[in-house]
Amino acid sequence: MEMTDTYCISFFRKPIQNVEPLRAVDIVDLYRYIVGPYAQPQTEALRPIVNPAEAKRYKAIHFDYCTFSGLFRKRNEKELISHTGLLCIDFDGVPDVESLKAQLLQHEYFETELLFTGPSGHGVKWVIPIDLKGWSHSRYFKAVVNCLRATGLPPVDLSGSDVARACFLSYDPNAYIHPKYRDYVEENIFRPRLGECPF
């Protein structure tokens, strides 16, 4: 099966201080990582940690991450190779994660490529396709945030305005991926693609 849309996203091994990408991945790779066992131990270890500073340190050391908006030589705005055409909207401190997910999937203006619960269990990572049309990443991000605010959604983590913003990859067996990828996911879930190295 051929995917109609692919995105080249940089994937990085932990810790967060590592700014050299391991390789380029796509949405299906990341979905398989999130629903698979790769981040399950660290996700389950993080969630009982109640001290915010301690939790932040744990994430920085133990979680692999990606840059949804860019393909990079190094994780730095000046080292951007190409924009992916994706935006990751990060909602933190969400009282009802499942309710917010349902709202996002029904949003009238934005389509969902990938949607999953963040490492803490109290946040949502929402990946949507965008067309910059000559706009800068930060300007487009701010426009999307303003639109979301106007439609009554919770506050967004404004650090997403940085094209090189890292997104920690957590374990969420109920993550959502756009249905256009479903056949591809099911066809390849136990069979790595040619040239693909395991996570």
N, C-alpha and C. Protein backbone atom coordinates (compact mmCIF):
# COMPACT_ATOMS: atom_id res chain seq x y z
N MET A 1 0.84 -1.20 0.00
CA MET A 1 0.00 0.00 0.00
C MET A 1 0.87 1.24 0.00
N GLU A 2 0.53 2.24 -0.80
CA GLU A 2 1.25 3.50 -0.83
C GLU A 2 0.52 4.51 0.04
N MET A 3 1.26 5.19 0.90
CA MET A 3 0.65 6.25 1.69
C MET A 3 0.53 7.49 0.82
N THR A 4 -0.59 8.17 0.93
CA THR A 4 -0.80 9.37 0.13
C THR A 4 -0.01 10.55 0.68
N ASP A 5 0.24 10.56 1.97
CA ASP A 5 1.00 11.65 2.59
C ASP A 5 2.08 11.07 3.47
N THR A 6 3.29 11.59 3.33
CA THR A 6 4.35 11.19 4.23
C THR A 6 5.04 12.44 4.74
N TYR A 7 5.59 12.35 5.92
CA TYR A 7 6.29 13.48 6.53
C TYR A 7 7.63 12.99 7.02
N CYS A 8 8.68 13.74 6.74
CA CYS A 8 10.01 13.41 7.25
C CYS A 8 10.23 14.19 8.54
N ILE A 9 10.22 13.48 9.65
CA ILE A 9 10.30 14.06 10.99
C ILE A 9 11.58 13.54 11.63
N SER A 10 12.31 14.40 12.33
CA SER A 10 13.52 13.95 13.02
C SER A 10 13.18 13.26 14.34
N PHE A 11 13.80 12.08 14.53
CA PHE A 11 13.63 11.30 15.76
C PHE A 11 14.95 11.29 16.52
N PHE A 12 14.88 11.55 17.84
CA PHE A 12 16.07 11.67 18.67
C PHE A 12 16.01 10.68 19.83
N ARG A 13 17.14 10.10 20.13
CA ARG A 13 17.27 9.28 21.33
C ARG A 13 17.44 10.17 22.56
N LYS A 14 16.96 9.67 23.69
CA LYS A 14 17.19 10.33 24.97
C LYS A 14 18.71 10.42 25.22
N PRO A 15 19.13 11.38 26.08
CA PRO A 15 18.38 12.40 26.81
C PRO A 15 18.13 13.63 25.95
N ILE A 16 17.43 14.61 26.50
CA ILE A 16 17.07 15.80 25.75
C ILE A 16 18.30 16.59 25.31
N GLN A 17 19.43 16.43 26.01
CA GLN A 17 20.66 17.13 25.64
C GLN A 17 21.24 16.61 24.33
N ASN A 18 20.77 15.44 23.88
CA ASN A 18 21.21 14.90 22.60
C ASN A 18 20.49 15.63 21.47
N VAL A 19 21.21 16.42 20.70
CA VAL A 19 20.58 17.21 19.64
C VAL A 19 20.87 16.65 18.25
N GLU A 20 21.48 15.48 18.19
CA GLU A 20 21.77 14.82 16.91
C GLU A 20 20.66 13.81 16.64
N PRO A 21 19.90 13.97 15.55
CA PRO A 21 18.83 13.01 15.26
C PRO A 21 19.36 11.63 14.93
N LEU A 22 18.62 10.61 15.36
CA LEU A 22 18.98 9.23 15.02
C LEU A 22 18.64 8.96 13.56
N ARG A 23 17.46 9.39 13.15
CA ARG A 23 17.02 9.18 11.77
C ARG A 23 15.73 9.95 11.50
N ALA A 24 15.32 9.93 10.25
CA ALA A 24 14.04 10.51 9.86
C ALA A 24 12.97 9.44 9.96
N VAL A 25 11.80 9.82 10.47
CA VAL A 25 10.68 8.90 10.61
C VAL A 25 9.43 9.56 10.02
N ASP A 26 8.35 8.78 9.95
CA ASP A 26 7.08 9.35 9.49
C ASP A 26 6.00 9.12 10.54
N ILE A 27 4.81 9.54 10.23
CA ILE A 27 3.70 9.45 11.18
C ILE A 27 3.44 8.01 11.62
N VAL A 28 3.51 7.07 10.68
CA VAL A 28 3.25 5.67 11.03
C VAL A 28 4.33 5.15 11.97
N ASP A 29 5.59 5.49 11.72
CA ASP A 29 6.67 5.09 12.63
C ASP A 29 6.38 5.57 14.05
N LEU A 30 5.98 6.83 14.17
CA LEU A 30 5.75 7.41 15.49
C LEU A 30 4.52 6.80 16.16
N TYR A 31 3.50 6.54 15.39
CA TYR A 31 2.31 5.88 15.94
C TYR A 31 2.69 4.51 16.49
N ARG A 32 3.48 3.77 15.73
CA ARG A 32 3.88 2.43 16.17
C ARG A 32 4.75 2.50 17.43
N TYR A 33 5.57 3.54 17.51
CA TYR A 33 6.38 3.73 18.72
C TYR A 33 5.48 3.99 19.92
N ILE A 34 4.51 4.87 19.75
CA ILE A 34 3.64 5.29 20.87
C ILE A 34 2.74 4.16 21.35
N VAL A 35 2.18 3.38 20.46
CA VAL A 35 1.29 2.28 20.88
C VAL A 35 2.08 1.03 21.25
N GLY A 36 3.34 0.97 20.86
CA GLY A 36 4.19 -0.17 21.16
C GLY A 36 4.79 -0.10 22.55
N PRO A 37 5.71 -1.01 22.86
CA PRO A 37 6.26 -1.10 24.23
C PRO A 37 7.42 -0.16 24.52
N TYR A 38 7.86 0.59 23.53
CA TYR A 38 9.13 1.32 23.62
C TYR A 38 9.18 2.32 24.77
N ALA A 39 8.09 3.05 25.01
CA ALA A 39 8.09 4.07 26.07
C ALA A 39 7.24 3.67 27.27
N GLN A 40 6.78 2.44 27.31
CA GLN A 40 5.89 2.03 28.40
C GLN A 40 6.57 2.07 29.78
N PRO A 41 7.79 1.53 29.94
CA PRO A 41 8.39 1.54 31.29
C PRO A 41 8.60 2.95 31.84
N GLN A 42 9.13 3.85 31.01
CA GLN A 42 9.39 5.21 31.51
C GLN A 42 8.10 6.01 31.72
N THR A 43 7.09 5.75 30.91
CA THR A 43 5.81 6.42 31.11
C THR A 43 5.19 6.00 32.44
N GLU A 44 5.21 4.70 32.72
CA GLU A 44 4.63 4.21 33.97
C GLU A 44 5.45 4.64 35.18
N ALA A 45 6.75 4.81 35.01
CA ALA A 45 7.60 5.27 36.12
C ALA A 45 7.41 6.76 36.39
N LEU A 46 7.13 7.54 35.34
CA LEU A 46 6.98 8.99 35.49
C LEU A 46 5.68 9.37 36.21
N ARG A 47 4.59 8.72 35.91
CA ARG A 47 3.28 9.20 36.34
C ARG A 47 3.06 9.26 37.85
N PRO A 48 3.70 8.42 38.64
CA PRO A 48 3.54 8.58 40.10
C PRO A 48 4.38 9.72 40.70
N ILE A 49 5.28 10.31 39.91
CA ILE A 49 6.14 11.38 40.44
C ILE A 49 5.31 12.66 40.57
N VAL A 50 5.18 13.16 41.79
CA VAL A 50 4.32 14.33 42.02
C VAL A 50 5.09 15.66 42.03
N ASN A 51 6.38 15.60 42.29
CA ASN A 51 7.18 16.82 42.30
C ASN A 51 7.45 17.27 40.87
N PRO A 52 6.97 18.47 40.48
CA PRO A 52 7.11 18.92 39.09
C PRO A 52 8.56 18.98 38.60
N ALA A 53 9.46 19.46 39.45
CA ALA A 53 10.86 19.57 39.05
C ALA A 53 11.47 18.19 38.83
N GLU A 54 11.13 17.26 39.71
CA GLU A 54 11.63 15.89 39.59
C GLU A 54 11.08 15.23 38.33
N ALA A 55 9.79 15.45 38.05
CA ALA A 55 9.17 14.89 36.85
C ALA A 55 9.81 15.45 35.58
N LYS A 56 10.10 16.74 35.59
CA LYS A 56 10.74 17.37 34.44
C LYS A 56 12.12 16.77 34.18
N ARG A 57 12.89 16.57 35.25
CA ARG A 57 14.22 15.96 35.13
C ARG A 57 14.12 14.54 34.60
N TYR A 58 13.13 13.79 35.11
CA TYR A 58 12.97 12.40 34.68
C TYR A 58 12.68 12.34 33.17
N LYS A 59 11.76 13.18 32.71
CA LYS A 59 11.43 13.20 31.28
C LYS A 59 12.65 13.51 30.44
N ALA A 60 13.41 14.50 30.86
CA ALA A 60 14.57 14.95 30.10
C ALA A 60 15.62 13.85 29.93
N ILE A 61 15.69 12.96 30.91
CA ILE A 61 16.70 11.90 30.89
C ILE A 61 16.21 10.63 30.20
N HIS A 62 14.93 10.29 30.39
CA HIS A 62 14.44 8.95 30.05
C HIS A 62 13.57 8.83 28.80
N PHE A 63 13.16 9.94 28.19
CA PHE A 63 12.24 9.84 27.05
C PHE A 63 12.90 10.22 25.73
N ASP A 64 12.72 9.34 24.73
CA ASP A 64 13.07 9.71 23.36
C ASP A 64 12.12 10.80 22.91
N TYR A 65 12.48 11.49 21.86
CA TYR A 65 11.62 12.59 21.41
C TYR A 65 11.74 12.81 19.91
N CYS A 66 10.86 13.65 19.38
CA CYS A 66 10.91 13.99 17.96
C CYS A 66 10.62 15.47 17.79
N THR A 67 10.83 15.95 16.57
CA THR A 67 10.48 17.33 16.22
C THR A 67 9.42 17.26 15.12
N PHE A 68 8.16 17.34 15.52
CA PHE A 68 7.07 17.14 14.56
C PHE A 68 7.08 18.15 13.42
N SER A 69 7.58 19.35 13.68
CA SER A 69 7.51 20.39 12.65
C SER A 69 8.71 20.46 11.73
N GLY A 70 9.74 19.67 12.02
CA GLY A 70 10.92 19.83 11.19
C GLY A 70 11.81 18.61 11.06
N LEU A 71 12.54 18.61 9.96
CA LEU A 71 13.63 17.67 9.73
C LEU A 71 14.91 18.49 9.92
N PHE A 72 15.80 18.02 10.80
CA PHE A 72 16.96 18.82 11.21
C PHE A 72 18.27 18.07 11.02
N ARG A 73 19.33 18.84 10.78
CA ARG A 73 20.69 18.29 10.90
C ARG A 73 21.04 18.16 12.38
N LYS A 74 20.71 19.19 13.15
CA LYS A 74 20.76 19.20 14.60
C LYS A 74 19.51 19.92 15.08
N ARG A 75 19.12 19.68 16.32
CA ARG A 75 17.89 20.32 16.81
C ARG A 75 18.17 21.78 17.18
N ASN A 76 18.08 22.58 16.14
CA ASN A 76 18.34 24.02 16.24
C ASN A 76 17.67 24.66 15.03
N GLU A 77 17.00 25.77 15.25
CA GLU A 77 16.28 26.43 14.16
C GLU A 77 17.17 26.68 12.95
N LYS A 78 18.43 26.99 13.18
CA LYS A 78 19.36 27.28 12.08
C LYS A 78 19.77 26.03 11.31
N GLU A 79 19.51 24.86 11.89
CA GLU A 79 19.89 23.59 11.26
C GLU A 79 18.68 22.89 10.62
N LEU A 80 17.60 23.64 10.43
CA LEU A 80 16.39 23.08 9.80
C LEU A 80 16.65 22.75 8.34
N ILE A 81 16.35 21.52 7.95
CA ILE A 81 16.46 21.11 6.54
C ILE A 81 15.17 21.44 5.81
N SER A 82 14.05 21.05 6.40
CA SER A 82 12.75 21.33 5.80
C SER A 82 11.66 21.27 6.85
N HIS A 83 10.63 22.09 6.65
CA HIS A 83 9.45 22.04 7.52
C HIS A 83 8.60 20.86 7.09
N THR A 84 8.03 20.18 8.05
CA THR A 84 7.25 18.98 7.75
C THR A 84 5.85 19.28 7.23
N GLY A 85 5.34 20.48 7.52
CA GLY A 85 3.94 20.75 7.22
C GLY A 85 3.04 20.24 8.33
N LEU A 86 3.63 20.05 9.52
CA LEU A 86 2.87 19.60 10.68
C LEU A 86 3.06 20.57 11.84
N LEU A 87 2.07 20.60 12.70
CA LEU A 87 2.13 21.40 13.92
C LEU A 87 1.71 20.51 15.07
N CYS A 88 2.49 20.50 16.15
CA CYS A 88 2.11 19.75 17.34
C CYS A 88 1.61 20.74 18.39
N ILE A 89 0.34 20.61 18.72
CA ILE A 89 -0.27 21.46 19.73
C ILE A 89 -0.28 20.67 21.04
N ASP A 90 0.28 21.30 22.07
CA ASP A 90 0.46 20.62 23.36
C ASP A 90 -0.44 21.25 24.41
N PHE A 91 -1.36 20.46 24.95
CA PHE A 91 -2.23 20.90 26.03
C PHE A 91 -1.75 20.26 27.33
N ASP A 92 -1.46 21.06 28.34
CA ASP A 92 -0.98 20.55 29.62
C ASP A 92 -2.02 20.73 30.72
N GLY A 93 -1.94 19.91 31.76
CA GLY A 93 -2.83 20.05 32.91
C GLY A 93 -4.29 19.92 32.56
N VAL A 94 -4.62 18.95 31.73
CA VAL A 94 -5.99 18.77 31.24
C VAL A 94 -6.80 17.95 32.25
N PRO A 95 -7.93 18.46 32.75
CA PRO A 95 -8.72 17.73 33.74
C PRO A 95 -9.33 16.44 33.20
N ASP A 96 -9.76 16.45 31.95
CA ASP A 96 -10.40 15.28 31.35
C ASP A 96 -9.78 15.05 29.97
N VAL A 97 -8.76 14.22 29.93
CA VAL A 97 -8.00 13.98 28.70
C VAL A 97 -8.87 13.39 27.60
N GLU A 98 -9.69 12.40 27.93
CA GLU A 98 -10.49 11.73 26.90
C GLU A 98 -11.53 12.67 26.30
N SER A 99 -12.11 13.53 27.12
CA SER A 99 -13.07 14.51 26.62
C SER A 99 -12.41 15.48 25.66
N LEU A 100 -11.20 15.94 26.00
CA LEU A 100 -10.49 16.86 25.11
C LEU A 100 -10.14 16.17 23.80
N LYS A 101 -9.70 14.94 23.88
CA LYS A 101 -9.38 14.20 22.65
C LYS A 101 -10.59 14.14 21.73
N ALA A 102 -11.75 13.85 22.30
CA ALA A 102 -12.97 13.77 21.50
C ALA A 102 -13.29 15.11 20.85
N GLN A 103 -13.09 16.20 21.59
CA GLN A 103 -13.32 17.54 21.04
C GLN A 103 -12.39 17.82 19.87
N LEU A 104 -11.13 17.47 20.03
CA LEU A 104 -10.14 17.75 19.00
C LEU A 104 -10.43 16.96 17.72
N LEU A 105 -10.86 15.72 17.88
CA LEU A 105 -11.15 14.89 16.71
C LEU A 105 -12.35 15.41 15.93
N GLN A 106 -13.19 16.21 16.59
CA GLN A 106 -14.36 16.76 15.93
C GLN A 106 -14.18 18.24 15.56
N HIS A 107 -12.96 18.76 15.67
CA HIS A 107 -12.75 20.19 15.44
C HIS A 107 -13.11 20.56 14.01
N GLU A 108 -13.82 21.67 13.86
CA GLU A 108 -14.34 22.04 12.54
C GLU A 108 -13.28 22.60 11.61
N TYR A 109 -12.16 23.08 12.12
CA TYR A 109 -11.16 23.73 11.27
C TYR A 109 -9.91 22.90 11.01
N PHE A 110 -9.57 21.99 11.93
CA PHE A 110 -8.30 21.28 11.82
C PHE A 110 -8.50 19.77 11.80
N GLU A 111 -7.80 19.10 10.89
CA GLU A 111 -7.84 17.65 10.79
C GLU A 111 -6.73 17.08 11.68
N THR A 112 -6.94 15.89 12.17
CA THR A 112 -5.98 15.26 13.07
C THR A 112 -5.16 14.21 12.33
N GLU A 113 -3.83 14.35 12.38
CA GLU A 113 -2.95 13.32 11.86
C GLU A 113 -2.61 12.30 12.94
N LEU A 114 -2.34 12.80 14.15
CA LEU A 114 -1.95 11.94 15.26
C LEU A 114 -2.39 12.61 16.56
N LEU A 115 -2.84 11.80 17.52
CA LEU A 115 -3.34 12.33 18.78
C LEU A 115 -3.01 11.33 19.88
N PHE A 116 -2.33 11.80 20.93
CA PHE A 116 -1.98 10.87 22.00
C PHE A 116 -1.83 11.59 23.33
N THR A 117 -1.92 10.82 24.40
CA THR A 117 -1.75 11.34 25.76
C THR A 117 -0.27 11.51 26.04
N GLY A 118 0.09 12.65 26.64
CA GLY A 118 1.48 12.95 26.93
C GLY A 118 2.03 12.12 28.07
N PRO A 119 3.34 12.23 28.31
CA PRO A 119 4.00 11.40 29.33
C PRO A 119 3.39 11.49 30.72
N SER A 120 2.96 12.68 31.15
CA SER A 120 2.44 12.85 32.51
C SER A 120 1.09 12.19 32.72
N GLY A 121 0.36 11.97 31.63
CA GLY A 121 -1.00 11.45 31.73
C GLY A 121 -2.04 12.54 31.88
N HIS A 122 -1.59 13.80 31.98
CA HIS A 122 -2.49 14.94 32.15
C HIS A 122 -2.37 15.94 31.00
N GLY A 123 -1.82 15.49 29.90
CA GLY A 123 -1.66 16.36 28.74
C GLY A 123 -2.00 15.64 27.46
N VAL A 124 -2.22 16.41 26.41
CA VAL A 124 -2.57 15.85 25.10
C VAL A 124 -1.66 16.46 24.04
N LYS A 125 -1.15 15.60 23.16
CA LYS A 125 -0.35 16.03 22.02
C LYS A 125 -1.22 15.86 20.77
N TRP A 126 -1.46 16.97 20.08
CA TRP A 126 -2.35 16.97 18.91
C TRP A 126 -1.56 17.42 17.70
N VAL A 127 -1.39 16.53 16.73
CA VAL A 127 -0.59 16.82 15.53
C VAL A 127 -1.53 17.05 14.35
N ILE A 128 -1.42 18.24 13.76
CA ILE A 128 -2.31 18.63 12.66
C ILE A 128 -1.49 19.06 11.45
N PRO A 129 -2.03 18.85 10.24
CA PRO A 129 -1.34 19.32 9.04
C PRO A 129 -1.60 20.80 8.81
N ILE A 130 -0.59 21.51 8.32
CA ILE A 130 -0.74 22.94 8.03
C ILE A 130 -0.11 23.26 6.69
N ASP A 131 -0.48 24.39 6.14
CA ASP A 131 0.12 24.91 4.92
C ASP A 131 0.63 26.31 5.24
N LEU A 132 1.92 26.44 5.41
CA LEU A 132 2.48 27.72 5.85
C LEU A 132 2.22 28.86 4.86
N LYS A 133 2.19 28.55 3.56
CA LYS A 133 1.91 29.57 2.52
C LYS A 133 2.77 30.83 2.71
N GLY A 134 4.03 30.62 2.99
CA GLY A 134 4.94 31.74 3.12
C GLY A 134 5.02 32.34 4.51
N TRP A 135 4.16 31.89 5.42
CA TRP A 135 4.21 32.38 6.80
C TRP A 135 5.37 31.71 7.52
N SER A 136 5.88 32.37 8.55
CA SER A 136 6.86 31.74 9.42
C SER A 136 6.14 30.73 10.31
N HIS A 137 6.89 29.77 10.83
CA HIS A 137 6.31 28.77 11.72
C HIS A 137 5.67 29.44 12.95
N SER A 138 6.41 30.37 13.56
CA SER A 138 5.91 31.00 14.80
C SER A 138 4.64 31.81 14.54
N ARG A 139 4.59 32.49 13.41
CA ARG A 139 3.39 33.28 13.09
C ARG A 139 2.18 32.38 12.87
N TYR A 140 2.39 31.27 12.16
CA TYR A 140 1.29 30.34 11.90
C TYR A 140 0.82 29.71 13.22
N PHE A 141 1.79 29.35 14.07
CA PHE A 141 1.44 28.75 15.36
C PHE A 141 0.56 29.70 16.16
N LYS A 142 0.94 30.96 16.22
CA LYS A 142 0.15 31.94 16.98
C LYS A 142 -1.25 32.09 16.42
N ALA A 143 -1.38 32.03 15.10
CA ALA A 143 -2.70 32.12 14.47
C ALA A 143 -3.57 30.92 14.87
N VAL A 144 -2.97 29.73 14.89
CA VAL A 144 -3.71 28.53 15.29
C VAL A 144 -4.13 28.63 16.76
N VAL A 145 -3.22 29.09 17.61
CA VAL A 145 -3.53 29.23 19.04
C VAL A 145 -4.70 30.19 19.24
N ASN A 146 -4.70 31.29 18.52
CA ASN A 146 -5.80 32.26 18.63
C ASN A 146 -7.12 31.65 18.19
N CYS A 147 -7.07 30.84 17.14
CA CYS A 147 -8.28 30.16 16.66
C CYS A 147 -8.79 29.18 17.70
N LEU A 148 -7.89 28.42 18.30
CA LEU A 148 -8.30 27.44 19.31
C LEU A 148 -8.88 28.13 20.54
N ARG A 149 -8.28 29.24 20.92
CA ARG A 149 -8.80 30.01 22.06
C ARG A 149 -10.23 30.47 21.77
N ALA A 150 -10.45 30.92 20.54
CA ALA A 150 -11.77 31.42 20.15
C ALA A 150 -12.83 30.32 20.12
N THR A 151 -12.38 29.07 19.93
CA THR A 151 -13.35 27.97 19.89
C THR A 151 -13.49 27.29 21.25
N GLY A 152 -12.95 27.92 22.30
CA GLY A 152 -13.21 27.46 23.67
C GLY A 152 -12.37 26.32 24.17
N LEU A 153 -11.24 26.05 23.52
CA LEU A 153 -10.38 24.95 23.97
C LEU A 153 -9.44 25.43 25.08
N PRO A 154 -8.88 24.51 25.85
CA PRO A 154 -7.98 24.89 26.95
C PRO A 154 -6.73 25.62 26.43
N PRO A 155 -6.00 26.30 27.31
CA PRO A 155 -4.77 26.99 26.90
C PRO A 155 -3.74 26.01 26.32
N VAL A 156 -2.98 26.52 25.36
CA VAL A 156 -1.97 25.73 24.67
C VAL A 156 -0.59 26.10 25.21
N ASP A 157 0.32 25.12 25.26
CA ASP A 157 1.72 25.38 25.62
C ASP A 157 2.35 26.21 24.50
N LEU A 158 2.71 27.45 24.81
CA LEU A 158 3.18 28.38 23.79
C LEU A 158 4.59 28.09 23.30
N SER A 159 5.28 27.15 23.92
CA SER A 159 6.63 26.81 23.45
C SER A 159 6.60 26.16 22.07
N GLY A 160 5.43 25.74 21.62
CA GLY A 160 5.30 25.15 20.29
C GLY A 160 5.57 26.14 19.17
N SER A 161 5.71 27.41 19.50
CA SER A 161 6.03 28.41 18.48
C SER A 161 7.46 28.24 17.95
N ASP A 162 8.28 27.45 18.66
CA ASP A 162 9.65 27.15 18.24
C ASP A 162 9.62 25.95 17.30
N VAL A 163 10.06 26.13 16.06
CA VAL A 163 10.02 25.04 15.08
C VAL A 163 10.85 23.84 15.53
N ALA A 164 11.86 24.08 16.38
CA ALA A 164 12.72 23.00 16.86
C ALA A 164 12.24 22.42 18.19
N ARG A 165 11.04 22.75 18.59
CA ARG A 165 10.50 22.27 19.86
C ARG A 165 10.48 20.74 19.90
N ALA A 166 11.02 20.18 20.98
CA ALA A 166 11.05 18.74 21.16
C ALA A 166 9.72 18.25 21.73
N CYS A 167 9.26 17.11 21.24
CA CYS A 167 8.05 16.48 21.77
C CYS A 167 8.44 15.11 22.31
N PHE A 168 8.32 14.94 23.63
CA PHE A 168 8.62 13.64 24.24
C PHE A 168 7.58 12.61 23.79
N LEU A 169 8.05 11.41 23.50
CA LEU A 169 7.18 10.35 23.00
C LEU A 169 6.83 9.40 24.14
N SER A 170 5.55 9.37 24.47
CA SER A 170 5.06 8.56 25.59
C SER A 170 4.40 7.28 25.09
N TYR A 171 3.98 6.48 26.02
CA TYR A 171 3.23 5.26 25.71
C TYR A 171 1.74 5.56 25.82
N ASP A 172 1.01 5.32 24.73
CA ASP A 172 -0.44 5.47 24.74
C ASP A 172 -1.02 4.42 23.79
N PRO A 173 -1.46 3.27 24.32
CA PRO A 173 -1.99 2.20 23.46
C PRO A 173 -3.26 2.60 22.74
N ASN A 174 -3.89 3.71 23.17
CA ASN A 174 -5.12 4.17 22.53
C ASN A 174 -4.90 5.42 21.67
N ALA A 175 -3.66 5.65 21.27
CA ALA A 175 -3.37 6.78 20.40
C ALA A 175 -4.19 6.69 19.12
N TYR A 176 -4.51 7.86 18.57
CA TYR A 176 -5.29 7.94 17.33
C TYR A 176 -4.36 8.29 16.18
N ILE A 177 -4.55 7.64 15.05
CA ILE A 177 -3.88 8.02 13.81
C ILE A 177 -4.95 8.17 12.74
N HIS A 178 -4.75 9.10 11.84
CA HIS A 178 -5.75 9.35 10.79
C HIS A 178 -6.07 8.05 10.04
N PRO A 179 -7.34 7.82 9.74
CA PRO A 179 -7.74 6.57 9.08
C PRO A 179 -7.04 6.30 7.74
N LYS A 180 -6.55 7.32 7.08
CA LYS A 180 -5.87 7.10 5.79
C LYS A 180 -4.62 6.23 5.95
N TYR A 181 -4.09 6.12 7.16
CA TYR A 181 -2.91 5.30 7.41
C TYR A 181 -3.24 3.92 7.94
N ARG A 182 -4.49 3.66 8.24
CA ARG A 182 -4.85 2.45 8.97
C ARG A 182 -4.40 1.16 8.26
N ASP A 183 -4.69 1.06 6.96
CA ASP A 183 -4.31 -0.16 6.24
C ASP A 183 -2.80 -0.35 6.27
N TYR A 184 -2.08 0.74 6.15
CA TYR A 184 -0.63 0.67 6.17
C TYR A 184 -0.13 0.21 7.54
N VAL A 185 -0.72 0.74 8.59
CA VAL A 185 -0.33 0.35 9.95
C VAL A 185 -0.58 -1.14 10.16
N GLU A 186 -1.76 -1.60 9.79
CA GLU A 186 -2.11 -3.00 10.01
C GLU A 186 -1.27 -3.94 9.15
N GLU A 187 -0.96 -3.51 7.95
CA GLU A 187 -0.17 -4.33 7.03
C GLU A 187 1.26 -4.50 7.50
N ASN A 188 1.80 -3.46 8.14
CA ASN A 188 3.23 -3.44 8.46
C ASN A 188 3.56 -3.52 9.94
N ILE A 189 2.55 -3.69 10.80
CA ILE A 189 2.80 -3.57 12.23
C ILE A 189 3.82 -4.59 12.73
N PHE A 190 3.87 -5.79 12.13
CA PHE A 190 4.84 -6.79 12.57
C PHE A 190 5.95 -7.02 11.55
N ARG A 191 5.98 -6.21 10.50
CA ARG A 191 6.98 -6.41 9.46
C ARG A 191 7.68 -5.08 9.15
N PRO A 192 8.91 -4.89 9.66
CA PRO A 192 9.60 -3.64 9.39
C PRO A 192 9.77 -3.40 7.89
N ARG A 193 9.68 -2.14 7.51
CA ARG A 193 9.88 -1.79 6.13
C ARG A 193 11.35 -1.93 5.73
N LEU A 194 11.59 -2.09 4.47
CA LEU A 194 12.94 -2.28 3.94
C LEU A 194 13.81 -1.10 4.40
N GLY A 195 14.93 -1.43 5.03
CA GLY A 195 15.87 -0.39 5.44
C GLY A 195 15.54 0.24 6.77
N GLU A 196 14.44 -0.16 7.39
CA GLU A 196 14.04 0.46 8.66
C GLU A 196 14.80 -0.17 9.82
N CYS A 197 15.39 0.63 10.65
CA CYS A 197 16.04 0.09 11.84
C CYS A 197 15.04 0.11 12.98
N PRO A 198 15.10 -0.86 13.89
CA PRO A 198 14.14 -0.88 14.99
C PRO A 198 14.39 0.27 15.96
N PHE A 199 13.33 0.69 16.65
CA PHE A 199 13.47 1.71 17.68
C PHE A 199 14.29 1.14 18.83
